[in-house]
Structures are given as structure tokens and as C-alpha cells.
C-alpha atoms as a PDB file:
ATOM      1  CA  MET A   1      60.396 157.103  63.796  1.00  0.00           C
ATOM      2  CA  PHE A   2      62.554 154.079  62.929  1.00  0.00           C
ATOM      3  CA  GLN A   3      62.344 154.947  59.227  1.00  0.00           C
ATOM      4  CA  ARG A   4      63.375 158.542  59.922  1.00  0.00           C
ATOM      5  CA  LEU A   5      66.348 157.296  61.944  1.00  0.00           C
ATOM      6  CA  LEU A   6      67.416 155.000  59.086  1.00  0.00           C
ATOM      7  CA  LEU A   7      67.111 157.873  56.613  1.00  0.00           C
ATOM      8  CA  ALA A   8      69.176 160.146  58.822  1.00  0.00           C
ATOM      9  CA  ILE A   9      71.900 157.480  59.116  1.00  0.00           C
ATOM     10  CA  ARG A  10      71.929 156.928  55.329  1.00  0.00           C
ATOM     11  CA  ASN A  11      72.217 160.661  54.651  1.00  0.00           C
ATOM     12  CA  GLU A  12      74.892 161.113  57.328  1.00  0.00           C
ATOM     13  CA  PHE A  13      77.180 158.218  56.323  1.00  0.00           C
ATOM     14  CA  GLY A  14      76.153 157.744  52.692  1.00  0.00           C
ATOM     15  CA  ILE A  15      75.353 154.065  53.012  1.00  0.00           C
ATOM     16  CA  SER A  16      72.603 151.800  51.645  1.00  0.00           C
ATOM     17  CA  ARG A  17      69.373 150.904  53.442  1.00  0.00           C
ATOM     18  CA  SER A  18      70.555 147.399  54.413  1.00  0.00           C
ATOM     19  CA  GLN A  19      73.858 148.777  55.746  1.00  0.00           C
ATOM     20  CA  ALA A  20      71.954 151.310  57.831  1.00  0.00           C
ATOM     21  CA  ARG A  21      69.821 148.541  59.342  1.00  0.00           C
ATOM     22  CA  GLY A  22      72.941 146.485  60.178  1.00  0.00           C
ATOM     23  CA  LEU A  23      74.471 149.494  61.910  1.00  0.00           C
ATOM     24  CA  MET A  24      71.329 149.945  63.987  1.00  0.00           C
ATOM     25  CA  VAL A  25      71.364 146.275  65.058  1.00  0.00           C
ATOM     26  CA  LEU A  26      75.037 146.563  66.022  1.00  0.00           C
ATOM     27  CA  VAL A  27      74.426 149.678  68.146  1.00  0.00           C
ATOM     28  CA  VAL A  28      71.450 148.083  69.926  1.00  0.00           C
ATOM     29  CA  SER A  29      73.495 144.917  70.667  1.00  0.00           C
ATOM     30  CA  MET A  30      76.334 146.944  72.146  1.00  0.00           C
ATOM     31  CA  LEU A  31      73.946 148.891  74.374  1.00  0.00           C
ATOM     32  CA  LEU A  32      72.388 145.651  75.640  1.00  0.00           C
ATOM     33  CA  CYS A  33      75.805 144.193  76.448  1.00  0.00           C
ATOM     34  CA  TRP A  34      76.851 147.301  78.357  1.00  0.00           C
ATOM     35  CA  PHE A  35      73.714 148.155  80.292  1.00  0.00           C
ATOM     36  CA  GLY A  36      71.852 144.832  80.356  1.00  0.00           C
ATOM     37  CA  PRO A  37      73.616 143.389  83.453  1.00  0.00           C
ATOM     38  CA  LEU A  38      73.000 146.610  85.407  1.00  0.00           C
ATOM     39  CA  VAL A  39      69.305 146.556  84.586  1.00  0.00           C
ATOM     40  CA  ILE A  40      68.962 142.875  85.490  1.00  0.00           C
ATOM     41  CA  ARG A  41      70.656 143.416  88.884  1.00  0.00           C
ATOM     42  CA  ARG A  42      68.237 146.227  89.726  1.00  0.00           C
ATOM     43  CA  LEU A  43      65.099 144.403  88.598  1.00  0.00           C
ATOM     44  CA  LEU A  44      65.823 140.863  89.924  1.00  0.00           C
ATOM     45  CA  PRO A  45      66.225 140.218  93.670  1.00  0.00           C
ATOM     46  CA  LEU A  46      69.570 138.790  94.906  1.00  0.00           C
ATOM     47  CA  PRO A  47      69.500 135.091  95.953  1.00  0.00           C
ATOM     48  CA  SER A  48      69.378 134.543  99.670  1.00  0.00           C
ATOM     49  CA  THR A  49      72.638 133.321 101.256  1.00  0.00           C
ATOM     50  CA  GLU A  50      71.006 132.127 104.439  1.00  0.00           C
ATOM     51  CA  MET A  51      70.876 128.362 105.017  1.00  0.00           C
ATOM     52  CA  SER A  52      67.708 126.660 105.974  1.00  0.00           C
ATOM     53  CA  THR A  53      67.469 124.920 109.314  1.00  0.00           C
ATOM     54  CA  THR A  54      67.588 121.488 107.648  1.00  0.00           C
ATOM     55  CA  ASP A  55      70.680 122.361 105.592  1.00  0.00           C
ATOM     56  CA  ARG A  56      72.430 123.776 108.661  1.00  0.00           C
ATOM     57  CA  GLN A  57      71.791 120.602 110.654  1.00  0.00           C
ATOM     58  CA  THR A  58      73.111 118.461 107.785  1.00  0.00           C
ATOM     59  CA  ALA A  59      76.299 120.560 107.527  1.00  0.00           C
ATOM     60  CA  ASP A  60      76.904 120.360 111.278  1.00  0.00           C
ATOM     61  CA  SER A  61      76.593 116.581 111.234  1.00  0.00           C
ATOM     62  CA  LEU A  62      79.101 116.320 108.341  1.00  0.00           C
ATOM     63  CA  VAL A  63      81.619 118.492 110.216  1.00  0.00           C
ATOM     64  CA  ALA A  64      81.265 116.301 113.301  1.00  0.00           C
ATOM     65  CA  VAL A  65      81.935 113.154 111.239  1.00  0.00           C
ATOM     66  CA  LEU A  66      85.035 114.697 109.621  1.00  0.00           C
ATOM     67  CA  GLN A  67      86.432 115.801 112.977  1.00  0.00           C
ATOM     68  CA  SER A  68      86.002 112.320 114.426  1.00  0.00           C
ATOM     69  CA  HIS A  69      88.145 110.889 111.587  1.00  0.00           C
ATOM     70  CA  GLN A  70      90.803 113.596 111.774  1.00  0.00           C
ATOM     71  CA  PRO A  71      94.291 112.087 112.455  1.00  0.00           C
ATOM     72  CA  ASP A  72      96.112 113.088 115.632  1.00  0.00           C
ATOM     73  CA  ALA A  73      99.171 114.136 113.684  1.00  0.00           C
ATOM     74  CA  PRO A  74      99.522 115.455 110.136  1.00  0.00           C
ATOM     75  CA  TYR A  75     100.588 113.061 107.422  1.00  0.00           C
ATOM     76  CA  SER A  76     104.263 113.070 106.614  1.00  0.00           C
ATOM     77  CA  PHE A  77     106.035 111.772 103.578  1.00  0.00           C
ATOM     78  CA  PRO A  78     109.406 110.028 103.478  1.00  0.00           C
ATOM     79  CA  LYS A  79     112.344 112.288 102.756  1.00  0.00           C
ATOM     80  CA  LYS A  80     114.049 111.792  99.410  1.00  0.00           C
ATOM     81  CA  TYR A  81     117.795 111.284  99.870  1.00  0.00           C
ATOM     82  CA  PRO A  82     120.225 112.422  97.019  1.00  0.00           C
ATOM     83  CA  ASN A  83     122.300 109.169  96.734  1.00  0.00           C
ATOM     84  CA  TYR A  84     119.150 106.643  96.550  1.00  0.00           C
ATOM     85  CA  ALA A  85     115.388 106.428  96.002  1.00  0.00           C
ATOM     86  CA  ALA A  86     113.077 107.069  98.939  1.00  0.00           C
ATOM     87  CA  GLU A  87     111.810 103.913 100.580  1.00  0.00           C
ATOM     88  CA  LYS A  88     108.280 103.315 101.847  1.00  0.00           C
ATOM     89  CA  THR A  89     107.755 104.220 105.454  1.00  0.00           C
ATOM     90  CA  SER A  90     105.843 100.959 105.870  1.00  0.00           C
ATOM     91  CA  ASP A  91     109.189  99.150 105.539  1.00  0.00           C
ATOM     92  CA  VAL A  92     110.475 100.752 108.738  1.00  0.00           C
ATOM     93  CA  ALA A  93     110.060  98.435 111.689  1.00  0.00           C
ATOM     94  CA  THR A  94     109.368  99.591 115.221  1.00  0.00           C
ATOM     95  CA  PRO A  95     111.842  97.971 117.635  1.00  0.00           C
ATOM     96  CA  ARG A  96     110.083  95.663 120.077  1.00  0.00           C
ATOM     97  CA  SER A  97     113.191  95.201 122.228  1.00  0.00           C
ATOM     98  CA  LEU A  98     116.929  95.491 121.752  1.00  0.00           C
ATOM     99  CA  PHE A  99     119.049  92.377 122.055  1.00  0.00           C
ATOM    100  CA  THR A 100     122.588  91.265 121.320  1.00  0.00           C
ATOM    101  CA  PHE A 101     123.101  90.242 117.685  1.00  0.00           C
ATOM    102  CA  ASP A 102     125.841  89.265 115.263  1.00  0.00           C
ATOM    103  CA  PRO A 103     125.471  91.200 111.956  1.00  0.00           C
ATOM    104  CA  ASN A 104     127.211  88.313 110.176  1.00  0.00           C
ATOM    105  CA  ALA A 105     124.494  85.828 111.208  1.00  0.00           C
ATOM    106  CA  ALA A 106     121.273  87.731 112.014  1.00  0.00           C
ATOM    107  CA  SER A 107     118.296  87.230 109.716  1.00  0.00           C
ATOM    108  CA  VAL A 108     116.153  89.903 108.076  1.00  0.00           C
ATOM    109  CA  PRO A 109     113.288  89.479 110.629  1.00  0.00           C
ATOM    110  CA  GLN A 110     115.801  89.823 113.478  1.00  0.00           C
ATOM    111  CA  PHE A 111     117.165  93.039 111.973  1.00  0.00           C
ATOM    112  CA  GLN A 112     113.606  94.353 111.661  1.00  0.00           C
ATOM    113  CA  ALA A 113     112.909  93.470 115.285  1.00  0.00           C
ATOM    114  CA  LEU A 114     115.855  95.707 116.197  1.00  0.00           C
ATOM    115  CA  GLY A 115     114.264  98.621 114.346  1.00  0.00           C
ATOM    116  CA  ILE A 116     116.307  98.350 111.134  1.00  0.00           C
ATOM    117  CA  PRO A 117     114.153  99.104 108.041  1.00  0.00           C
ATOM    118  CA  LYS A 118     113.381  96.113 105.874  1.00  0.00           C
ATOM    119  CA  PHE A 119     115.218  97.457 102.813  1.00  0.00           C
ATOM    120  CA  ILE A 120     118.371  98.029 104.901  1.00  0.00           C
ATOM    121  CA  ALA A 121     118.099  94.522 106.399  1.00  0.00           C
ATOM    122  CA  GLU A 122     117.813  93.035 102.909  1.00  0.00           C
ATOM    123  CA  ARG A 123     120.797  95.126 101.817  1.00  0.00           C
ATOM    124  CA  ILE A 124     122.876  93.681 104.682  1.00  0.00           C
ATOM    125  CA  GLU A 125     121.871  90.156 103.717  1.00  0.00           C
ATOM    126  CA  LYS A 126     122.757  90.823 100.063  1.00  0.00           C
ATOM    127  CA  TYR A 127     126.131  92.189 101.158  1.00  0.00           C
ATOM    128  CA  ARG A 128     126.824  88.955 103.082  1.00  0.00           C
ATOM    129  CA  THR A 129     125.747  86.692 100.208  1.00  0.00           C
ATOM    130  CA  LYS A 130     128.276  88.448  97.967  1.00  0.00           C
ATOM    131  CA  GLY A 131     131.087  87.604 100.346  1.00  0.00           C
ATOM    132  CA  GLY A 132     131.004  90.677 102.564  1.00  0.00           C
ATOM    133  CA  LYS A 133     131.851  90.263 106.230  1.00  0.00           C
ATOM    134  CA  PHE A 134     131.682  92.494 109.295  1.00  0.00           C
ATOM    135  CA  ARG A 135     134.990  92.214 111.124  1.00  0.00           C
ATOM    136  CA  LYS A 136     134.282  94.915 113.715  1.00  0.00           C
ATOM    137  CA  LYS A 137     131.309  96.949 114.865  1.00  0.00           C
ATOM    138  CA  GLU A 138     132.188 100.025 112.782  1.00  0.00           C
ATOM    139  CA  ASP A 139     131.907  98.027 109.555  1.00  0.00           C
ATOM    140  CA  LEU A 140     128.111  98.096 109.912  1.00  0.00           C
ATOM    141  CA  GLN A 141     128.198 101.839 109.248  1.00  0.00           C
ATOM    142  CA  ARG A 142     129.395 101.143 105.719  1.00  0.00           C
ATOM    143  CA  ILE A 143     126.001  99.725 104.788  1.00  0.00           C
ATOM    144  CA  TYR A 144     124.462 102.264 102.445  1.00  0.00           C
ATOM    145  CA  GLY A 145     121.463 104.045 103.962  1.00  0.00           C
ATOM    146  CA  LEU A 146     121.949 103.040 107.604  1.00  0.00           C
ATOM    147  CA  GLN A 147     121.289 106.177 109.632  1.00  0.00           C
ATOM    148  CA  PRO A 148     124.002 107.223 112.167  1.00  0.00           C
ATOM    149  CA  ALA A 149     121.402 107.645 114.931  1.00  0.00           C
ATOM    150  CA  LEU A 150     120.196 104.071 114.407  1.00  0.00           C
ATOM    151  CA  TYR A 151     123.764 102.751 114.494  1.00  0.00           C
ATOM    152  CA  GLN A 152     124.465 104.610 117.746  1.00  0.00           C
ATOM    153  CA  ARG A 153     121.418 102.961 119.329  1.00  0.00           C
ATOM    154  CA  LEU A 154     122.415  99.476 118.157  1.00  0.00           C
ATOM    155  CA  GLU A 155     126.192  99.734 118.723  1.00  0.00           C
ATOM    156  CA  PRO A 156     126.172  98.466 122.356  1.00  0.00           C
ATOM    157  CA  TYR A 157     124.262  95.346 121.243  1.00  0.00           C
ATOM    158  CA  ILE A 158     126.541  94.373 118.342  1.00  0.00           C
ATOM    159  CA  SER A 159     128.567  91.271 119.129  1.00  0.00           C
ATOM    160  CA  ILE A 160     131.025  89.910 116.558  1.00  0.00           C
ATOM    161  CA  PRO A 161     132.808  86.734 117.687  1.00  0.00           C
ATOM    162  CA  SER A 162     136.556  87.021 117.437  1.00  0.00           C
ATOM    163  CA  THR A 163     138.385  84.670 115.083  1.00  0.00           C
ATOM    164  CA  PRO A 164     140.174  81.860 116.937  1.00  0.00           C
ATOM    165  CA  SER A 165     143.896  82.564 117.154  1.00  0.00           C
ATOM    166  CA  PRO A 166     146.031  80.104 115.221  1.00  0.00           C
ATOM    167  CA  THR A 167     148.147  77.582 117.084  1.00  0.00           C
ATOM    168  CA  VAL A 168     151.286  75.926 115.893  1.00  0.00           C
ATOM    169  CA  SER A 169     151.320  72.156 115.720  1.00  0.00           C
ATOM    170  CA  PRO A 170     154.451  70.098 116.501  1.00  0.00           C
ATOM    171  CA  ASN A 171     155.242  69.815 112.789  1.00  0.00           C
ATOM    172  CA  GLY A 172     155.337  73.629 112.460  1.00  0.00           C
ATOM    173  CA  ILE A 173     152.066  74.089 110.578  1.00  0.00           C
ATOM    174  CA  ALA A 174     149.687  76.778 111.866  1.00  0.00           C
ATOM    175  CA  SER A 175     146.152  75.696 112.641  1.00  0.00           C
ATOM    176  CA  SER A 176     143.155  76.975 114.601  1.00  0.00           C
ATOM    177  CA  ALA A 177     142.273  75.578 118.026  1.00  0.00           C
ATOM    178  CA  SER A 178     139.468  73.466 116.604  1.00  0.00           C
ATOM    179  CA  ALA A 179     141.252  72.387 113.414  1.00  0.00           C
ATOM    180  CA  PRO A 180     143.269  69.179 113.048  1.00  0.00           C
ATOM    181  CA  SER A 181     146.957  69.393 113.862  1.00  0.00           C
ATOM    182  CA  THR A 182     147.931  68.470 110.309  1.00  0.00           C
ATOM    183  CA  VAL A 183     147.089  70.384 107.119  1.00  0.00           C
ATOM    184  CA  PRO A 184     147.265  68.847 103.647  1.00  0.00           C
ATOM    185  CA  THR A 185     150.061  70.204 101.481  1.00  0.00           C
ATOM    186  CA  SER A 186     147.493  71.039  98.757  1.00  0.00           C
ATOM    187  CA  LEU A 187     145.937  73.631 101.059  1.00  0.00           C
ATOM    188  CA  ILE A 188     149.320  75.131 101.881  1.00  0.00           C
ATOM    189  CA  SER A 189     150.055  75.642  98.189  1.00  0.00           C
ATOM    190  CA  ASN A 190     146.818  77.667  97.773  1.00  0.00           C
ATOM    191  CA  LYS A 191     147.925  80.290 100.286  1.00  0.00           C
ATOM    192  CA  LYS A 192     147.799  83.882  98.973  1.00  0.00           C
ATOM    193  CA  ALA A 193     151.072  85.385  97.814  1.00  0.00           C
ATOM    194  CA  ALA A 194     152.453  88.246  99.871  1.00  0.00           C
ATOM    195  CA  PRO A 195     151.121  91.632  98.632  1.00  0.00           C
ATOM    196  CA  VAL A 196     153.381  94.326  97.210  1.00  0.00           C
ATOM    197  CA  ALA A 197     152.653  97.977  96.418  1.00  0.00           C
ATOM    198  CA  PHE A 198     150.982  98.416  93.025  1.00  0.00           C
ATOM    199  CA  ASP A 199     149.348 101.053  90.811  1.00  0.00           C
ATOM    200  CA  ILE A 200     145.571 100.849  91.249  1.00  0.00           C
ATOM    201  CA  ASN A 201     144.936 102.469  87.847  1.00  0.00           C
ATOM    202  CA  SER A 202     146.863  99.861  85.879  1.00  0.00           C
ATOM    203  CA  THR A 203     146.543  96.697  87.946  1.00  0.00           C
ATOM    204  CA  ASP A 204     144.381  93.642  87.335  1.00  0.00           C
ATOM    205  CA  THR A 205     142.638  91.344  89.787  1.00  0.00           C
ATOM    206  CA  THR A 206     145.855  89.398  90.447  1.00  0.00           C
ATOM    207  CA  GLN A 207     147.279  92.066  92.746  1.00  0.00           C
ATOM    208  CA  LEU A 208     143.946  92.844  94.386  1.00  0.00           C
ATOM    209  CA  ILE A 209     143.116  89.306  95.484  1.00  0.00           C
ATOM    210  CA  ARG A 210     146.422  89.144  97.343  1.00  0.00           C
ATOM    211  CA  LEU A 211     145.062  91.677  99.812  1.00  0.00           C
ATOM    212  CA  LYS A 212     143.286  90.550 102.962  1.00  0.00           C
ATOM    213  CA  GLY A 213     139.507  90.745 102.818  1.00  0.00           C
ATOM    214  CA  ILE A 214     139.401  90.960  98.996  1.00  0.00           C
ATOM    215  CA  GLY A 215     138.315  88.015  96.899  1.00  0.00           C
ATOM    216  CA  SER A 216     137.760  87.653  93.164  1.00  0.00           C
ATOM    217  CA  LYS A 217     134.241  89.175  93.218  1.00  0.00           C
ATOM    218  CA  LEU A 218     135.278  92.204  95.235  1.00  0.00           C
ATOM    219  CA  ALA A 219     138.383  92.658  93.096  1.00  0.00           C
ATOM    220  CA  THR A 220     136.228  92.667  89.958  1.00  0.00           C
ATOM    221  CA  ARG A 221     133.902  95.235  91.555  1.00  0.00           C
ATOM    222  CA  ILE A 222     136.857  97.511  92.388  1.00  0.00           C
ATOM    223  CA  LEU A 223     138.134  97.399  88.798  1.00  0.00           C
ATOM    224  CA  LYS A 224     134.653  98.011  87.420  1.00  0.00           C
ATOM    225  CA  PHE A 225     134.312 101.089  89.638  1.00  0.00           C
ATOM    226  CA  ARG A 226     137.773 102.287  88.551  1.00  0.00           C
ATOM    227  CA  ASP A 227     137.004 101.874  84.851  1.00  0.00           C
ATOM    228  CA  GLY A 228     133.710 103.719  85.246  1.00  0.00           C
ATOM    229  CA  LEU A 229     135.539 106.685  86.761  1.00  0.00           C
ATOM    230  CA  GLY A 230     138.317 106.593  84.210  1.00  0.00           C
ATOM    231  CA  GLY A 231     140.792 105.860  86.997  1.00  0.00           C
ATOM    232  CA  PHE A 232     141.164 106.888  90.624  1.00  0.00           C
ATOM    233  CA  ALA A 233     142.262 110.464  91.260  1.00  0.00           C
ATOM    234  CA  SER A 234     142.508 110.112  95.046  1.00  0.00           C
ATOM    235  CA  THR A 235     142.762 107.252  97.526  1.00  0.00           C
ATOM    236  CA  ALA A 236     139.777 108.830  99.327  1.00  0.00           C
ATOM    237  CA  GLN A 237     137.628 107.417  96.504  1.00  0.00           C
ATOM    238  CA  TYR A 238     138.183 103.905  97.891  1.00  0.00           C
ATOM    239  CA  ASN A 239     135.507 104.768 100.450  1.00  0.00           C
ATOM    240  CA  GLU A 240     132.936 105.003  97.633  1.00  0.00           C
ATOM    241  CA  ILE A 241     133.332 101.342  96.629  1.00  0.00           C
ATOM    242  CA  PHE A 242     130.365  99.324  97.836  1.00  0.00           C
ATOM    243  CA  GLY A 243     131.125  96.276  99.966  1.00  0.00           C
ATOM    244  CA  LEU A 244     134.551  97.185 101.358  1.00  0.00           C
ATOM    245  CA  ASP A 245     134.857  96.464 105.063  1.00  0.00           C
ATOM    246  CA  SER A 246     137.464  98.063 107.314  1.00  0.00           C
ATOM    247  CA  LEU A 247     140.052  95.345 106.654  1.00  0.00           C
ATOM    248  CA  ALA A 248     139.784  95.533 102.851  1.00  0.00           C
ATOM    249  CA  LEU A 249     139.798  99.325 102.951  1.00  0.00           C
ATOM    250  CA  SER A 250     142.913  99.463 105.123  1.00  0.00           C
ATOM    251  CA  GLU A 251     144.654  96.999 102.793  1.00  0.00           C
ATOM    252  CA  LEU A 252     143.821  99.148  99.763  1.00  0.00           C
ATOM    253  CA  ASN A 253     145.090 102.287 101.451  1.00  0.00           C
ATOM    254  CA  ARG A 254     148.294 100.481 102.393  1.00  0.00           C
ATOM    255  CA  TRP A 255     149.186  98.793  99.086  1.00  0.00           C
ATOM    256  CA  ALA A 256     147.177 100.456  96.288  1.00  0.00           C
ATOM    257  CA  THR A 257     148.907 103.636  95.143  1.00  0.00           C
ATOM    258  CA  ILE A 258     148.017 106.059  92.341  1.00  0.00           C
ATOM    259  CA  ARG A 259     150.812 106.401  89.812  1.00  0.00           C
ATOM    260  CA  THR A 260     148.937 106.603  86.519  1.00  0.00           C
ATOM    261  CA  PRO A 261     146.777 109.749  86.081  1.00  0.00           C
ATOM    262  CA  ALA A 262     143.055 109.349  85.524  1.00  0.00           C
ATOM    263  CA  GLN A 263     141.547 109.703  82.057  1.00  0.00           C
ATOM    264  CA  LYS A 264     140.206 113.181  81.340  1.00  0.00           C
ATOM    265  CA  ILE A 265     137.173 114.435  79.412  1.00  0.00           C
ATOM    266  CA  ASN A 266     137.622 117.524  77.250  1.00  0.00           C
ATOM    267  CA  ILE A 267     134.761 119.594  78.592  1.00  0.00           C
ATOM    268  CA  ASN A 268     134.911 121.957  75.582  1.00  0.00           C
ATOM    269  CA  THR A 269     134.552 119.326  72.863  1.00  0.00           C
ATOM    270  CA  ALA A 270     132.774 116.366  74.486  1.00  0.00           C
ATOM    271  CA  SER A 271     129.102 115.764  73.736  1.00  0.00           C
ATOM    272  CA  ALA A 272     126.436 115.508  76.421  1.00  0.00           C
ATOM    273  CA  GLU A 273     126.431 111.719  75.947  1.00  0.00           C
ATOM    274  CA  ASP A 274     130.183 111.520  76.556  1.00  0.00           C
ATOM    275  CA  ILE A 275     129.981 113.666  79.690  1.00  0.00           C
ATOM    276  CA  ASP A 276     126.990 111.682  80.983  1.00  0.00           C
ATOM    277  CA  ARG A 277     129.056 108.479  80.957  1.00  0.00           C
ATOM    278  CA  HIS A 278     130.977 109.687  84.007  1.00  0.00           C
ATOM    279  CA  PRO A 279     129.301 108.353  87.183  1.00  0.00           C
ATOM    280  CA  TYR A 280     129.621 111.684  89.014  1.00  0.00           C
ATOM    281  CA  ILE A 281     127.586 113.599  86.388  1.00  0.00           C
ATOM    282  CA  SER A 282     123.886 113.035  85.659  1.00  0.00           C
ATOM    283  CA  LYS A 283     122.300 113.240  82.217  1.00  0.00           C
ATOM    284  CA  ARG A 284     120.576 116.547  83.001  1.00  0.00           C
ATOM    285  CA  GLN A 285     123.791 118.082  84.328  1.00  0.00           C
ATOM    286  CA  ALA A 286     125.681 116.975  81.193  1.00  0.00           C
ATOM    287  CA  GLU A 287     123.057 118.536  78.916  1.00  0.00           C
ATOM    288  CA  ILE A 288     123.158 121.844  80.803  1.00  0.00           C
ATOM    289  CA  ILE A 289     126.988 121.881  80.762  1.00  0.00           C
ATOM    290  CA  VAL A 290     126.965 121.553  76.959  1.00  0.00           C
ATOM    291  CA  ARG A 291     124.128 124.085  76.545  1.00  0.00           C
ATOM    292  CA  TYR A 292     125.961 126.647  78.696  1.00  0.00           C
ATOM    293  CA  ARG A 293     129.135 126.091  76.653  1.00  0.00           C
ATOM    294  CA  GLU A 294     127.252 126.695  73.395  1.00  0.00           C
ATOM    295  CA  GLN A 295     125.768 129.933  74.737  1.00  0.00           C
ATOM    296  CA  HIS A 296     128.807 131.422  76.531  1.00  0.00           C
ATOM    297  CA  GLY A 297     131.799 129.853  74.790  1.00  0.00           C
ATOM    298  CA  ALA A 298     134.479 127.427  75.919  1.00  0.00           C
ATOM    299  CA  TYR A 299     135.262 126.858  79.585  1.00  0.00           C
ATOM    300  CA  LYS A 300     138.657 128.116  80.732  1.00  0.00           C
ATOM    301  CA  SER A 301     138.732 126.467  84.153  1.00  0.00           C
ATOM    302  CA  ALA A 302     136.646 124.299  86.439  1.00  0.00           C
ATOM    303  CA  GLN A 303     135.633 127.386  88.446  1.00  0.00           C
ATOM    304  CA  GLU A 304     133.524 128.581  85.507  1.00  0.00           C
ATOM    305  CA  LEU A 305     131.283 125.562  86.012  1.00  0.00           C
ATOM    306  CA  LEU A 306     130.089 127.209  89.225  1.00  0.00           C
ATOM    307  CA  ASN A 307     128.172 129.661  87.027  1.00  0.00           C
ATOM    308  CA  ILE A 308     125.772 126.785  86.341  1.00  0.00           C
ATOM    309  CA  LYS A 309     123.208 126.865  89.131  1.00  0.00           C
ATOM    310  CA  ILE A 310     122.747 123.108  89.471  1.00  0.00           C
ATOM    311  CA  LEU A 311     126.479 122.477  90.026  1.00  0.00           C
ATOM    312  CA  ASP A 312     127.757 123.192  93.524  1.00  0.00           C
ATOM    313  CA  GLU A 313     131.347 123.646  94.670  1.00  0.00           C
ATOM    314  CA  LYS A 314     131.546 120.126  96.159  1.00  0.00           C
ATOM    315  CA  LEU A 315     130.602 118.469  92.848  1.00  0.00           C
ATOM    316  CA  VAL A 316     132.896 120.694  90.778  1.00  0.00           C
ATOM    317  CA  LYS A 317     135.832 119.867  93.063  1.00  0.00           C
ATOM    318  CA  LYS A 318     134.974 116.180  92.736  1.00  0.00           C
ATOM    319  CA  ILE A 319     134.931 116.140  88.916  1.00  0.00           C
ATOM    320  CA  GLU A 320     137.787 118.601  88.379  1.00  0.00           C
ATOM    321  CA  PRO A 321     140.530 115.892  88.149  1.00  0.00           C
ATOM    322  CA  TYR A 322     138.599 114.326  85.250  1.00  0.00           C
ATOM    323  CA  LEU A 323     138.205 117.497  83.149  1.00  0.00           C
ATOM    324  CA  ALA A 324     140.503 118.859  80.451  1.00  0.00           C
ATOM    325  CA  PHE A 325     140.165 122.394  79.029  1.00  0.00           C
END
């Protein structure tokens, strides 16, 4: 019968004997692939899904162990804030009791005992070592990362000793209540010169150190921040300078004016590296700004930047004074 089938295939398709055999093998293989699983399912019994008594007892004991180790509350992860990296929740101290403290003198363990996270306490200490000083309670809010709710809880316990008022000695020289009645003339000659209004975008440290609450280190930090921006576009940007207390900030707002315009970046010709140098713009944002420009053509106004999904209206308004079209 097999030989007759081969002969019929050869006569029908006009092929050789070996080709006819190969065709037969192919047809048989295809039939096995199609119908084999159906035949196996009908002939072989399905595996039982029922658990034995021993297996059921083992599973029940494992469930009981897992439930006994289940936490009372689900795990939570620290929130990532946009302006700094998320800190470990293990650094957050639980307040044992609230007590009166001076932020200019308290130690890191004392801050932690008040419920201030360790990284914030270390940031306060670093601020003091660089010459920063808290002159009133509200200055503590300027510490980067200190939550408003935490400040509101600690505000009644903040105590900053007032500076002794100067007294005038018989010879006409001002001195504090605890200081000697006479002051060497060498100290009088080192007194700061009276400040005058100046252009913040063209000044040097000489004018800045004349202001109250600003020393040489803080003056250098202000100029470094200014140069990174390409110049101040608004006096509101003084609030972004790290380490300024209320006294230094009020002095800047009083004497530091903006007369020279800030340096601008040509958004239609600058490379991604040039745009990334501005502190308000990240590397990824700079790359997407350039890529969008290459695909859609030159920007005509800052409003067209809003077509880029990762740029919101607040950021565009912030960088607009530094863009040229």
C-alpha cells in the first residue's frame, strides 16, 4: 500500500522516488503536530489538583508563620523632593521632649532630640561653621529642607539671646555693657565703611562686605551664584542664595540694585552643553530643547518652550530673562 501511494504521488506531481518519500514524511509530521496533542489529552488522564492531607497541613503552617511576621502597617518609602536627594528615613529622629534651645548654640544630638532629622541638623551646623547666624526665629526657616510643619512645632521653643545694646563711655566711644570702657584706635579704624547703593551685576566683594551680616565668604558666595546665573534678573533671586539670614537679605534688598541686564543665551544657536551650563536648566532638559529645535525649527518666543512636555510654565517664566531669540 505504501508503494502504491508513493507511485501515485510520483505520477501526480512528476517527482522522483526520494522526493515522494520526503513529501510523505512531511505530511505525516504535520498531522502529528496538529492532532497529536488532542490524542494525548484523550488517552492520558489529567493530573489531580487536590492536595494531600500532609501537603495541606504544611501549607497551613507556612501561612500562619507569614501572618505572624506581617507588619502592622505597610512599608513606606521616603518621598523624593525636586530640589535635593531623598534622605534615609532612619535619619529622622523621634522627639523625646521639646525644650527651649538656641539654634546658634545647639548641637546635632540636641537638634535630633527635638525631632529634627540628622541631615538637617548637620546642615544647620555646617551653616554656622561657615559664618551663618540666626538673628531671629524666622531665620531658621531658611535652612534648606526644614519642613514648615516641623518649624511651627519648634517655633515656641526657639530662644535667641538679644545682642547687648551698646553704651557710650565718657570718652564718646561706643561699647557693650560687658566690654571695657576704652577701645583701641586700631579697632576703630577697622570699622566697615558706610554702604551705598550699587549694581549687583557689576560689583565686587568690596561693596558687599560693607553690608551688615555679610562677610568675605558670604560675599564670594553671592558673586559665585550671580556669575553662574549670568547676572541677576530680579531681586527676588536673592532668596535663592544659600546662607543669607534675614539681616543680610534685607541689606541686599535695600542697597543692591539691578542696573546691568543679565547675560542671555541664544536658544536658537546654543548647543546643549551651553544651555546646560545655566543652573536653572538640567542636562536632559537642555538636550530636549535642542532636539525639539532641530525637529520643529527655531523658537520665536519663550512661550513655544511650553510645547516641550518636561518644561512647565513656572520654569519657562524663570529662564525667560536669560533667553535670546
